[in-house]
């Protein structure tokens, strides 16, 4: 059986997909109340972490994990506000934006270091 070569672009796609799945399972932890929802939450945990495990074989772990967690944090906070009716706070949005800017900066700085090493 021929294995798929994991390229950096595919690894980043896995990080992004895993971060999006994390938004769903983390909300599932709070809102699950029956066996089916607990099972779906467990599957989400499994899928998101398999994506990360595969991605860090190619990517720098610190940067990949920061992006993964940043997507999860921003996505969960926004979902709680938009879907589940949590109170909107301009301060929350400001801190999420700050977090995302930091993650983007970290990603860009890692790209510059990679280019310099090559």
PDB file of N, CA and C in Angstrom:
ATOM      1  N   UNK A   1       0.837  -1.179   0.000  1.00  0.00           N
ATOM      2  CA  UNK A   1       0.000   0.000   0.000  1.00  0.00           C
ATOM      3  C   UNK A   1       0.886   1.247   0.000  1.00  0.00           C
ATOM      4  N   UNK A   2       0.587   2.164  -0.879  1.00  0.00           N
ATOM      5  CA  UNK A   2       1.366   3.391  -0.999  1.00  0.00           C
ATOM      6  C   UNK A   2       0.875   4.414   0.025  1.00  0.00           C
ATOM      7  N   UNK A   3       1.819   4.997   0.775  1.00  0.00           N
ATOM      8  CA  UNK A   3       1.418   5.989   1.779  1.00  0.00           C
ATOM      9  C   UNK A   3       1.455   7.394   1.172  1.00  0.00           C
ATOM     10  N   UNK A   4       0.642   8.256   1.725  1.00  0.00           N
ATOM     11  CA  UNK A   4       0.561   9.644   1.259  1.00  0.00           C
ATOM     12  C   UNK A   4       1.675  10.444   1.915  1.00  0.00           C
ATOM     13  N   UNK A   5       2.427  11.181   1.094  1.00  0.00           N
ATOM     14  CA  UNK A   5       3.479  12.038   1.636  1.00  0.00           C
ATOM     15  C   UNK A   5       2.828  13.294   2.211  1.00  0.00           C
ATOM     16  N   UNK A   6       3.124  13.549   3.458  1.00  0.00           N
ATOM     17  CA  UNK A   6       2.539  14.698   4.139  1.00  0.00           C
ATOM     18  C   UNK A   6       3.383  15.935   3.843  1.00  0.00           C
ATOM     19  N   UNK A   7       2.825  16.836   3.059  1.00  0.00           N
ATOM     20  CA  UNK A   7       3.501  18.087   2.724  1.00  0.00           C
ATOM     21  C   UNK A   7       3.169  19.131   3.792  1.00  0.00           C
ATOM     22  N   UNK A   8       3.952  20.203   3.871  1.00  0.00           N
ATOM     23  CA  UNK A   8       3.619  21.261   4.830  1.00  0.00           C
ATOM     24  C   UNK A   8       2.221  21.846   4.623  1.00  0.00           C
ATOM     25  N   UNK A   9       1.804  22.025   3.368  1.00  0.00           N
ATOM     26  CA  UNK A   9       0.452  22.557   3.117  1.00  0.00           C
ATOM     27  C   UNK A   9      -0.627  21.617   3.631  1.00  0.00           C
ATOM     28  N   UNK A  10      -0.466  20.322   3.401  1.00  0.00           N
ATOM     29  CA  UNK A  10      -1.431  19.353   3.906  1.00  0.00           C
ATOM     30  C   UNK A  10      -1.404  19.319   5.438  1.00  0.00           C
ATOM     31  N   UNK A  11      -0.209  19.451   6.011  1.00  0.00           N
ATOM     32  CA  UNK A  11      -0.095  19.478   7.477  1.00  0.00           C
ATOM     33  C   UNK A  11      -0.828  20.690   8.056  1.00  0.00           C
ATOM     34  N   UNK A  12      -0.697  21.858   7.419  1.00  0.00           N
ATOM     35  CA  UNK A  12      -1.429  23.048   7.886  1.00  0.00           C
ATOM     36  C   UNK A  12      -2.931  22.865   7.725  1.00  0.00           C
ATOM     37  N   UNK A  13      -3.347  22.199   6.658  1.00  0.00           N
ATOM     38  CA  UNK A  13      -4.776  21.916   6.485  1.00  0.00           C
ATOM     39  C   UNK A  13      -5.279  21.021   7.624  1.00  0.00           C
ATOM     40  N   UNK A  14      -4.465  20.062   8.043  1.00  0.00           N
ATOM     41  CA  UNK A  14      -4.835  19.199   9.162  1.00  0.00           C
ATOM     42  C   UNK A  14      -4.932  19.992  10.470  1.00  0.00           C
ATOM     43  N   UNK A  15      -4.005  20.922  10.675  1.00  0.00           N
ATOM     44  CA  UNK A  15      -4.050  21.758  11.885  1.00  0.00           C
ATOM     45  C   UNK A  15      -5.342  22.575  11.901  1.00  0.00           C
ATOM     46  N   UNK A  16      -5.660  23.187  10.775  1.00  0.00           N
ATOM     47  CA  UNK A  16      -6.874  24.021  10.696  1.00  0.00           C
ATOM     48  C   UNK A  16      -8.122  23.163  10.881  1.00  0.00           C
ATOM     49  N   UNK A  17      -8.172  22.017  10.201  1.00  0.00           N
ATOM     50  CA  UNK A  17      -9.317  21.117  10.355  1.00  0.00           C
ATOM     51  C   UNK A  17      -9.435  20.635  11.800  1.00  0.00           C
ATOM     52  N   UNK A  18      -8.321  20.252  12.394  1.00  0.00           N
ATOM     53  CA  UNK A  18      -8.329  19.800  13.786  1.00  0.00           C
ATOM     54  C   UNK A  18      -8.800  20.894  14.737  1.00  0.00           C
ATOM     55  N   UNK A  19      -8.397  22.140  14.478  1.00  0.00           N
ATOM     56  CA  UNK A  19      -8.840  23.260  15.303  1.00  0.00           C
ATOM     57  C   UNK A  19     -10.335  23.500  15.187  1.00  0.00           C
ATOM     58  N   UNK A  20     -10.858  23.347  13.986  1.00  0.00           N
ATOM     59  CA  UNK A  20     -12.304  23.511  13.784  1.00  0.00           C
ATOM     60  C   UNK A  20     -13.074  22.389  14.487  1.00  0.00           C
ATOM     61  N   UNK A  21     -12.578  21.164  14.358  1.00  0.00           N
ATOM     62  CA  UNK A  21     -13.217  20.044  15.049  1.00  0.00           C
ATOM     63  C   UNK A  21     -13.155  20.254  16.566  1.00  0.00           C
ATOM     64  N   UNK A  22     -12.056  20.828  17.042  1.00  0.00           N
ATOM     65  CA  UNK A  22     -11.923  21.115  18.478  1.00  0.00           C
ATOM     66  C   UNK A  22     -13.043  22.030  18.962  1.00  0.00           C
ATOM     67  N   UNK A  23     -13.438  22.995  18.149  1.00  0.00           N
ATOM     68  CA  UNK A  23     -14.536  23.892  18.529  1.00  0.00           C
ATOM     69  C   UNK A  23     -15.805  23.104  18.818  1.00  0.00           C
ATOM     70  N   UNK A  24     -16.072  22.094  17.990  1.00  0.00           N
ATOM     71  CA  UNK A  24     -17.284  21.298  18.169  1.00  0.00           C
ATOM     72  C   UNK A  24     -17.196  20.397  19.397  1.00  0.00           C
ATOM     73  N   UNK A  25     -16.043  19.696  19.564  1.00  0.00           N
ATOM     74  CA  UNK A  25     -16.005  18.764  20.693  1.00  0.00           C
ATOM     75  C   UNK A  25     -15.919  19.497  22.019  1.00  0.00           C
ATOM     76  N   UNK A  26     -15.263  20.644  22.051  1.00  0.00           N
ATOM     77  CA  UNK A  26     -15.184  21.386  23.313  1.00  0.00           C
ATOM     78  C   UNK A  26     -16.568  21.897  23.715  1.00  0.00           C
ATOM     79  N   UNK A  27     -17.348  22.367  22.751  1.00  0.00           N
ATOM     80  CA  UNK A  27     -18.730  22.741  23.057  1.00  0.00           C
ATOM     81  C   UNK A  27     -19.528  21.505  23.448  1.00  0.00           C
ATOM     82  N   UNK A  28     -19.209  20.380  22.836  1.00  0.00           N
ATOM     83  CA  UNK A  28     -19.868  19.131  23.183  1.00  0.00           C
ATOM     84  C   UNK A  28     -19.629  18.711  24.619  1.00  0.00           C
ATOM     85  N   UNK A  29     -18.447  19.018  25.152  1.00  0.00           N
ATOM     86  CA  UNK A  29     -18.173  18.689  26.551  1.00  0.00           C
ATOM     87  C   UNK A  29     -19.168  19.372  27.477  1.00  0.00           C
ATOM     88  N   UNK A  30     -19.524  20.600  27.137  1.00  0.00           N
ATOM     89  CA  UNK A  30     -20.427  21.382  27.979  1.00  0.00           C
ATOM     90  C   UNK A  30     -21.887  21.008  27.752  1.00  0.00           C
ATOM     91  N   UNK A  31     -22.250  20.689  26.530  1.00  0.00           N
ATOM     92  CA  UNK A  31     -23.655  20.535  26.173  1.00  0.00           C
ATOM     93  C   UNK A  31     -24.112  19.097  25.967  1.00  0.00           C
ATOM     94  N   UNK A  32     -23.221  18.121  26.079  1.00  0.00           N
ATOM     95  CA  UNK A  32     -23.630  16.723  25.913  1.00  0.00           C
ATOM     96  C   UNK A  32     -24.427  16.269  27.127  1.00  0.00           C
ATOM     97  N   UNK A  33     -25.532  15.562  26.836  1.00  0.00           N
ATOM     98  CA  UNK A  33     -26.342  15.066  27.937  1.00  0.00           C
ATOM     99  C   UNK A  33     -26.896  13.658  27.689  1.00  0.00           C
ATOM    100  N   UNK A  34     -26.367  12.985  26.659  1.00  0.00           N
ATOM    101  CA  UNK A  34     -26.770  11.598  26.432  1.00  0.00           C
ATOM    102  C   UNK A  34     -25.611  10.839  25.773  1.00  0.00           C
ATOM    103  N   UNK A  35     -25.752   9.542  25.689  1.00  0.00           N
ATOM    104  CA  UNK A  35     -24.666   8.690  25.196  1.00  0.00           C
ATOM    105  C   UNK A  35     -24.246   9.036  23.772  1.00  0.00           C
ATOM    106  N   UNK A  36     -25.190   9.338  22.908  1.00  0.00           N
ATOM    107  CA  UNK A  36     -24.855   9.677  21.523  1.00  0.00           C
ATOM    108  C   UNK A  36     -23.977  10.932  21.473  1.00  0.00           C
ATOM    109  N   UNK A  37     -24.357  11.966  22.202  1.00  0.00           N
ATOM    110  CA  UNK A  37     -23.573  13.208  22.190  1.00  0.00           C
ATOM    111  C   UNK A  37     -22.205  13.014  22.839  1.00  0.00           C
ATOM    112  N   UNK A  38     -22.139  12.195  23.892  1.00  0.00           N
ATOM    113  CA  UNK A  38     -20.838  11.889  24.491  1.00  0.00           C
ATOM    114  C   UNK A  38     -19.949  11.127  23.503  1.00  0.00           C
ATOM    115  N   UNK A  39     -20.551  10.222  22.748  1.00  0.00           N
ATOM    116  CA  UNK A  39     -19.799   9.456  21.746  1.00  0.00           C
ATOM    117  C   UNK A  39     -19.285  10.380  20.637  1.00  0.00           C
ATOM    118  N   UNK A  40     -20.138  11.279  20.160  1.00  0.00           N
ATOM    119  CA  UNK A  40     -19.702  12.236  19.134  1.00  0.00           C
ATOM    120  C   UNK A  40     -18.596  13.145  19.660  1.00  0.00           C
ATOM    121  N   UNK A  41     -18.702  13.553  20.919  1.00  0.00           N
ATOM    122  CA  UNK A  41     -17.656  14.379  21.530  1.00  0.00           C
ATOM    123  C   UNK A  41     -16.332  13.609  21.576  1.00  0.00           C
ATOM    124  N   UNK A  42     -16.397  12.343  21.979  1.00  0.00           N
ATOM    125  CA  UNK A  42     -15.188  11.504  22.012  1.00  0.00           C
ATOM    126  C   UNK A  42     -14.572  11.328  20.637  1.00  0.00           C
ATOM    127  N   UNK A  43     -15.423  11.146  19.628  1.00  0.00           N
ATOM    128  CA  UNK A  43     -14.917  11.028  18.259  1.00  0.00           C
ATOM    129  C   UNK A  43     -14.249  12.331  17.813  1.00  0.00           C
ATOM    130  N   UNK A  44     -14.825  13.466  18.190  1.00  0.00           N
ATOM    131  CA  UNK A  44     -14.227  14.751  17.857  1.00  0.00           C
ATOM    132  C   UNK A  44     -12.858  14.922  18.489  1.00  0.00           C
ATOM    133  N   UNK A  45     -12.739  14.528  19.753  1.00  0.00           N
ATOM    134  CA  UNK A  45     -11.441  14.589  20.437  1.00  0.00           C
ATOM    135  C   UNK A  45     -10.424  13.742  19.689  1.00  0.00           C
ATOM    136  N   UNK A  46     -10.818  12.541  19.362  1.00  0.00           N
ATOM    137  CA  UNK A  46      -9.926  11.619  18.655  1.00  0.00           C
ATOM    138  C   UNK A  46      -9.489  12.197  17.310  1.00  0.00           C
ATOM    139  N   UNK A  47     -10.435  12.692  16.523  1.00  0.00           N
ATOM    140  CA  UNK A  47     -10.128  13.229  15.189  1.00  0.00           C
ATOM    141  C   UNK A  47      -9.209  14.442  15.283  1.00  0.00           C
ATOM    142  N   UNK A  48      -9.512  15.365  16.189  1.00  0.00           N
ATOM    143  CA  UNK A  48      -8.700  16.588  16.267  1.00  0.00           C
ATOM    144  C   UNK A  48      -7.263  16.278  16.691  1.00  0.00           C
ATOM    145  N   UNK A  49      -7.097  15.357  17.636  1.00  0.00           N
ATOM    146  CA  UNK A  49      -5.739  15.052  18.068  1.00  0.00           C
ATOM    147  C   UNK A  49      -4.981  14.187  17.073  1.00  0.00           C
ATOM    148  N   UNK A  50      -5.656  13.344  16.321  1.00  0.00           N
ATOM    149  CA  UNK A  50      -4.979  12.603  15.245  1.00  0.00           C
ATOM    150  C   UNK A  50      -4.480  13.588  14.190  1.00  0.00           C
ATOM    151  N   UNK A  51      -5.293  14.598  13.866  1.00  0.00           N
ATOM    152  CA  UNK A  51      -4.855  15.631  12.915  1.00  0.00           C
ATOM    153  C   UNK A  51      -3.582  16.309  13.415  1.00  0.00           C
ATOM    154  N   UNK A  52      -3.556  16.651  14.704  1.00  0.00           N
ATOM    155  CA  UNK A  52      -2.367  17.312  15.257  1.00  0.00           C
ATOM    156  C   UNK A  52      -1.158  16.389  15.261  1.00  0.00           C
ATOM    157  N   UNK A  53      -1.358  15.148  15.643  1.00  0.00           N
ATOM    158  CA  UNK A  53      -0.246  14.190  15.683  1.00  0.00           C
ATOM    159  C   UNK A  53       0.371  14.043  14.294  1.00  0.00           C
ATOM    160  N   UNK A  54      -0.468  13.936  13.285  1.00  0.00           N
ATOM    161  CA  UNK A  54       0.056  13.818  11.920  1.00  0.00           C
ATOM    162  C   UNK A  54       0.764  15.105  11.486  1.00  0.00           C
ATOM    163  N   UNK A  55       0.174  16.253  11.811  1.00  0.00           N
ATOM    164  CA  UNK A  55       0.734  17.532  11.363  1.00  0.00           C
ATOM    165  C   UNK A  55       2.095  17.823  11.980  1.00  0.00           C
ATOM    166  N   UNK A  56       2.279  17.480  13.250  1.00  0.00           N
ATOM    167  CA  UNK A  56       3.557  17.829  13.892  1.00  0.00           C
ATOM    168  C   UNK A  56       4.697  16.934  13.445  1.00  0.00           C
ATOM    169  N   UNK A  57       4.414  15.938  12.639  1.00  0.00           N
ATOM    170  CA  UNK A  57       5.494  15.171  12.025  1.00  0.00           C
ATOM    171  C   UNK A  57       6.239  16.022  11.002  1.00  0.00           C
ATOM    172  N   UNK A  58       5.552  17.052  10.471  1.00  0.00           N
ATOM    173  CA  UNK A  58       6.126  17.901   9.436  1.00  0.00           C
ATOM    174  C   UNK A  58       6.381  19.315   9.957  1.00  0.00           C
ATOM    175  N   UNK A  59       5.507  19.816  10.812  1.00  0.00           N
ATOM    176  CA  UNK A  59       5.570  21.211  11.261  1.00  0.00           C
ATOM    177  C   UNK A  59       6.249  21.341  12.615  1.00  0.00           C
ATOM    178  N   UNK A  60       6.694  22.550  12.883  1.00  0.00           N
ATOM    179  CA  UNK A  60       7.250  22.860  14.199  1.00  0.00           C
ATOM    180  C   UNK A  60       6.112  22.781  15.220  1.00  0.00           C
ATOM    181  N   UNK A  61       6.316  22.005  16.275  1.00  0.00           N
ATOM    182  CA  UNK A  61       5.233  21.705  17.205  1.00  0.00           C
ATOM    183  C   UNK A  61       4.701  22.951  17.922  1.00  0.00           C
ATOM    184  N   UNK A  62       5.576  23.851  18.325  1.00  0.00           N
ATOM    185  CA  UNK A  62       5.131  25.041  19.051  1.00  0.00           C
ATOM    186  C   UNK A  62       4.213  25.919  18.226  1.00  0.00           C
ATOM    187  N   UNK A  63       4.562  26.111  16.984  1.00  0.00           N
ATOM    188  CA  UNK A  63       3.756  26.951  16.096  1.00  0.00           C
ATOM    189  C   UNK A  63       2.447  26.239  15.744  1.00  0.00           C
ATOM    190  N   UNK A  64       2.535  24.964  15.380  1.00  0.00           N
ATOM    191  CA  UNK A  64       1.333  24.217  14.998  1.00  0.00           C
ATOM    192  C   UNK A  64       0.347  24.150  16.163  1.00  0.00           C
ATOM    193  N   UNK A  65       0.837  23.874  17.350  1.00  0.00           N
ATOM    194  CA  UNK A  65      -0.057  23.770  18.507  1.00  0.00           C
ATOM    195  C   UNK A  65      -0.666  25.123  18.849  1.00  0.00           C
ATOM    196  N   UNK A  66       0.107  26.199  18.704  1.00  0.00           N
ATOM    197  CA  UNK A  66      -0.430  27.538  18.959  1.00  0.00           C
ATOM    198  C   UNK A  66      -1.560  27.871  18.001  1.00  0.00           C
ATOM    199  N   UNK A  67      -1.399  27.531  16.738  1.00  0.00           N
ATOM    200  CA  UNK A  67      -2.456  27.775  15.756  1.00  0.00           C
ATOM    201  C   UNK A  67      -3.678  26.926  16.088  1.00  0.00           C
ATOM    202  N   UNK A  68      -3.463  25.663  16.404  1.00  0.00           N
ATOM    203  CA  UNK A  68      -4.534  24.740  16.761  1.00  0.00           C
ATOM    204  C   UNK A  68      -5.349  25.270  17.945  1.00  0.00           C
ATOM    205  N   UNK A  69      -4.669  25.657  18.997  1.00  0.00           N
ATOM    206  CA  UNK A  69      -5.338  26.155  20.201  1.00  0.00           C
ATOM    207  C   UNK A  69      -5.979  27.516  19.942  1.00  0.00           C
ATOM    208  N   UNK A  70      -5.325  28.364  19.147  1.00  0.00           N
ATOM    209  CA  UNK A  70      -5.899  29.674  18.819  1.00  0.00           C
ATOM    210  C   UNK A  70      -7.216  29.544  18.062  1.00  0.00           C
ATOM    211  N   UNK A  71      -7.254  28.628  17.096  1.00  0.00           N
ATOM    212  CA  UNK A  71      -8.498  28.382  16.358  1.00  0.00           C
ATOM    213  C   UNK A  71      -9.570  27.882  17.314  1.00  0.00           C
ATOM    214  N   UNK A  72      -9.203  26.953  18.165  1.00  0.00           N
ATOM    215  CA  UNK A  72     -10.165  26.407  19.118  1.00  0.00           C
ATOM    216  C   UNK A  72     -10.686  27.451  20.084  1.00  0.00           C
ATOM    217  N   UNK A  73      -9.795  28.259  20.632  1.00  0.00           N
ATOM    218  CA  UNK A  73     -10.195  29.281  21.594  1.00  0.00           C
ATOM    219  C   UNK A  73     -11.116  30.312  20.960  1.00  0.00           C
ATOM    220  N   UNK A  74     -10.712  30.838  19.822  1.00  0.00           N
ATOM    221  CA  UNK A  74     -11.537  31.845  19.142  1.00  0.00           C
ATOM    222  C   UNK A  74     -12.867  31.250  18.691  1.00  0.00           C
ATOM    223  N   UNK A  75     -12.824  30.059  18.116  1.00  0.00           N
ATOM    224  CA  UNK A  75     -14.039  29.431  17.620  1.00  0.00           C
ATOM    225  C   UNK A  75     -15.029  29.106  18.727  1.00  0.00           C
ATOM    226  N   UNK A  76     -14.534  28.575  19.833  1.00  0.00           N
ATOM    227  CA  UNK A  76     -15.416  28.218  20.938  1.00  0.00           C
ATOM    228  C   UNK A  76     -16.036  29.467  21.555  1.00  0.00           C
ATOM    229  N   UNK A  77     -15.232  30.494  21.753  1.00  0.00           N
ATOM    230  CA  UNK A  77     -15.752  31.723  22.343  1.00  0.00           C
ATOM    231  C   UNK A  77     -16.814  32.347  21.443  1.00  0.00           C
ATOM    232  N   UNK A  78     -16.542  32.417  20.154  1.00  0.00           N
ATOM    233  CA  UNK A  78     -17.531  32.973  19.227  1.00  0.00           C
ATOM    234  C   UNK A  78     -18.790  32.107  19.147  1.00  0.00           C
ATOM    235  N   UNK A  79     -18.621  30.795  19.160  1.00  0.00           N
ATOM    236  CA  UNK A  79     -19.786  29.901  19.123  1.00  0.00           C
ATOM    237  C   UNK A  79     -20.637  30.067  20.376  1.00  0.00           C
ATOM    238  N   UNK A  80     -19.992  30.205  21.516  1.00  0.00           N
ATOM    239  CA  UNK A  80     -20.750  30.389  22.760  1.00  0.00           C
ATOM    240  C   UNK A  80     -21.566  31.685  22.705  1.00  0.00           C
ATOM    241  N   UNK A  81     -21.004  32.719  22.108  1.00  0.00           N
ATOM    242  CA  UNK A  81     -21.720  34.000  22.004  1.00  0.00           C
ATOM    243  C   UNK A  81     -22.837  33.906  20.961  1.00  0.00           C
ATOM    244  N   UNK A  82     -22.516  33.397  19.760  1.00  0.00           N
ATOM    245  CA  UNK A  82     -23.462  33.407  18.651  1.00  0.00           C
ATOM    246  C   UNK A  82     -24.514  32.302  18.719  1.00  0.00           C
ATOM    247  N   UNK A  83     -24.126  31.121  19.185  1.00  0.00           N
ATOM    248  CA  UNK A  83     -25.034  29.984  19.153  1.00  0.00           C
ATOM    249  C   UNK A  83     -25.712  29.729  20.499  1.00  0.00           C
ATOM    250  N   UNK A  84     -24.940  29.849  21.567  1.00  0.00           N
ATOM    251  CA  UNK A  84     -25.459  29.455  22.871  1.00  0.00           C
ATOM    252  C   UNK A  84     -25.868  30.624  23.767  1.00  0.00           C
ATOM    253  N   UNK A  85     -25.811  31.850  23.235  1.00  0.00           N
ATOM    254  CA  UNK A  85     -26.358  33.000  23.950  1.00  0.00           C
ATOM    255  C   UNK A  85     -25.546  33.519  25.114  1.00  0.00           C
ATOM    256  N   UNK A  86     -24.249  33.229  25.151  1.00  0.00           N
ATOM    257  CA  UNK A  86     -23.401  33.806  26.194  1.00  0.00           C
ATOM    258  C   UNK A  86     -23.318  35.317  25.977  1.00  0.00           C
ATOM    259  N   UNK A  87     -23.133  36.048  27.043  1.00  0.00           N
ATOM    260  CA  UNK A  87     -23.101  37.509  26.952  1.00  0.00           C
ATOM    261  C   UNK A  87     -21.947  37.976  26.061  1.00  0.00           C
ATOM    262  N   UNK A  88     -22.242  38.946  25.198  1.00  0.00           N
ATOM    263  CA  UNK A  88     -21.233  39.554  24.324  1.00  0.00           C
ATOM    264  C   UNK A  88     -20.426  40.544  25.135  1.00  0.00           C
ATOM    265  N   UNK A  89     -19.127  40.519  24.947  1.00  0.00           N
ATOM    266  CA  UNK A  89     -18.251  41.458  25.636  1.00  0.00           C
ATOM    267  C   UNK A  89     -17.215  41.962  24.644  1.00  0.00           C
ATOM    268  N   UNK A  90     -17.135  43.266  24.508  1.00  0.00           N
ATOM    269  CA  UNK A  90     -16.139  43.849  23.614  1.00  0.00           C
ATOM    270  C   UNK A  90     -14.729  43.488  24.077  1.00  0.00           C
ATOM    271  N   UNK A  91     -14.542  43.387  25.379  1.00  0.00           N
ATOM    272  CA  UNK A  91     -13.244  43.015  25.930  1.00  0.00           C
ATOM    273  C   UNK A  91     -12.863  41.591  25.498  1.00  0.00           C
ATOM    274  N   UNK A  92     -13.831  40.659  25.503  1.00  0.00           N
ATOM    275  CA  UNK A  92     -13.572  39.293  25.042  1.00  0.00           C
ATOM    276  C   UNK A  92     -13.110  39.296  23.590  1.00  0.00           C
ATOM    277  N   UNK A  93     -13.802  40.042  22.760  1.00  0.00           N
ATOM    278  CA  UNK A  93     -13.454  40.103  21.336  1.00  0.00           C
ATOM    279  C   UNK A  93     -12.065  40.706  21.162  1.00  0.00           C
ATOM    280  N   UNK A  94     -11.752  41.732  21.932  1.00  0.00           N
ATOM    281  CA  UNK A  94     -10.424  42.355  21.875  1.00  0.00           C
ATOM    282  C   UNK A  94      -9.332  41.342  22.225  1.00  0.00           C
ATOM    283  N   UNK A  95      -9.561  40.562  23.278  1.00  0.00           N
ATOM    284  CA  UNK A  95      -8.551  39.584  23.686  1.00  0.00           C
ATOM    285  C   UNK A  95      -8.438  38.432  22.685  1.00  0.00           C
ATOM    286  N   UNK A  96      -9.544  38.031  22.077  1.00  0.00           N
ATOM    287  CA  UNK A  96      -9.478  37.000  21.039  1.00  0.00           C
ATOM    288  C   UNK A  96      -8.686  37.526  19.838  1.00  0.00           C
ATOM    289  N   UNK A  97      -8.936  38.765  19.451  1.00  0.00           N
ATOM    290  CA  UNK A  97      -8.192  39.374  18.341  1.00  0.00           C
ATOM    291  C   UNK A  97      -6.703  39.446  18.677  1.00  0.00           C
ATOM    292  N   UNK A  98      -6.383  39.793  19.917  1.00  0.00           N
ATOM    293  CA  UNK A  98      -4.979  39.840  20.350  1.00  0.00           C
ATOM    294  C   UNK A  98      -4.345  38.452  20.270  1.00  0.00           C
ATOM    295  N   UNK A  99      -5.088  37.441  20.724  1.00  0.00           N
ATOM    296  CA  UNK A  99      -4.606  36.067  20.653  1.00  0.00           C
ATOM    297  C   UNK A  99      -4.338  35.651  19.211  1.00  0.00           C
ATOM    298  N   UNK A 100      -5.291  35.951  18.325  1.00  0.00           N
ATOM    299  CA  UNK A 100      -5.136  35.569  16.923  1.00  0.00           C
ATOM    300  C   UNK A 100      -3.975  36.307  16.262  1.00  0.00           C
ATOM    301  N   UNK A 101      -3.799  37.574  16.601  1.00  0.00           N
ATOM    302  CA  UNK A 101      -2.647  38.319  16.059  1.00  0.00           C
ATOM    303  C   UNK A 101      -1.337  37.693  16.524  1.00  0.00           C
ATOM    304  N   UNK A 102      -1.290  37.277  17.774  1.00  0.00           N
ATOM    305  CA  UNK A 102      -0.085  36.615  18.285  1.00  0.00           C
ATOM    306  C   UNK A 102       0.191  35.307  17.575  1.00  0.00           C
ATOM    307  N   UNK A 103      -0.840  34.519  17.337  1.00  0.00           N
ATOM    308  CA  UNK A 103      -0.684  33.239  16.644  1.00  0.00           C
ATOM    309  C   UNK A 103      -0.235  33.468  15.202  1.00  0.00           C
ATOM    310  N   UNK A 104      -0.842  34.436  14.536  1.00  0.00           N
ATOM    311  CA  UNK A 104      -0.442  34.755  13.160  1.00  0.00           C
ATOM    312  C   UNK A 104       1.007  35.232  13.127  1.00  0.00           C
ATOM    313  N   UNK A 105       1.382  36.087  14.074  1.00  0.00           N
ATOM    314  CA  UNK A 105       2.766  36.555  14.152  1.00  0.00           C
ATOM    315  C   UNK A 105       3.737  35.414  14.373  1.00  0.00           C
ATOM    316  N   UNK A 106       3.370  34.476  15.241  1.00  0.00           N
ATOM    317  CA  UNK A 106       4.216  33.319  15.502  1.00  0.00           C
ATOM    318  C   UNK A 106       4.384  32.477  14.242  1.00  0.00           C
ATOM    319  N   UNK A 107       3.295  32.278  13.517  1.00  0.00           N
ATOM    320  CA  UNK A 107       3.340  31.512  12.268  1.00  0.00           C
ATOM    321  C   UNK A 107       4.228  32.202  11.237  1.00  0.00           C
ATOM    322  N   UNK A 108       4.063  33.523  11.096  1.00  0.00           N
ATOM    323  CA  UNK A 108       4.880  34.260  10.128  1.00  0.00           C
ATOM    324  C   UNK A 108       6.352  34.257  10.496  1.00  0.00           C
ATOM    325  N   UNK A 109       6.643  34.367  11.791  1.00  0.00           N
ATOM    326  CA  UNK A 109       8.048  34.341  12.212  1.00  0.00           C
ATOM    327  C   UNK A 109       8.659  32.967  11.982  1.00  0.00           C
ATOM    328  N   UNK A 110       7.887  31.908  12.142  1.00  0.00           N
ATOM    329  CA  UNK A 110       8.391  30.561  11.878  1.00  0.00           C
ATOM    330  C   UNK A 110       8.682  30.389  10.393  1.00  0.00           C
ATOM    331  N   UNK A 111       7.829  30.972   9.532  1.00  0.00           N
ATOM    332  CA  UNK A 111       8.067  30.903   8.088  1.00  0.00           C
ATOM    333  C   UNK A 111       9.367  31.601   7.724  1.00  0.00           C
ATOM    334  N   UNK A 112       9.640  32.755   8.342  1.00  0.00           N
ATOM    335  CA  UNK A 112      10.875  33.500   8.069  1.00  0.00           C
ATOM    336  C   UNK A 112      12.098  32.691   8.508  1.00  0.00           C
ATOM    337  N   UNK A 113      12.006  32.019   9.668  1.00  0.00           N
ATOM    338  CA  UNK A 113      13.120  31.213  10.153  1.00  0.00           C
ATOM    339  C   UNK A 113      13.378  30.031   9.234  1.00  0.00           C
ATOM    340  N   UNK A 114      12.295  29.415   8.723  1.00  0.00           N
ATOM    341  CA  UNK A 114      12.431  28.294   7.799  1.00  0.00           C
ATOM    342  C   UNK A 114      13.117  28.722   6.517  1.00  0.00           C
ATOM    343  N   UNK A 115      12.717  29.895   5.996  1.00  0.00           N
ATOM    344  CA  UNK A 115      13.341  30.414   4.779  1.00  0.00           C
ATOM    345  C   UNK A 115      14.820  30.714   5.003  1.00  0.00           C
ATOM    346  N   UNK A 116      15.149  31.267   6.168  1.00  0.00           N
ATOM    347  CA  UNK A 116      16.537  31.601   6.474  1.00  0.00           C
ATOM    348  C   UNK A 116      17.398  30.349   6.581  1.00  0.00           C
ATOM    349  N   UNK A 117      16.828  29.251   7.108  1.00  0.00           N
ATOM    350  CA  UNK A 117      17.583  28.004   7.256  1.00  0.00           C
ATOM    351  C   UNK A 117      17.829  27.345   5.900  1.00  0.00           C
ATOM    352  N   UNK A 118      16.906  27.546   4.971  1.00  0.00           N
ATOM    353  CA  UNK A 118      17.062  26.919   3.651  1.00  0.00           C
ATOM    354  C   UNK A 118      18.079  27.696   2.866  1.00  0.00           C
TER     355      UNK A 118
END
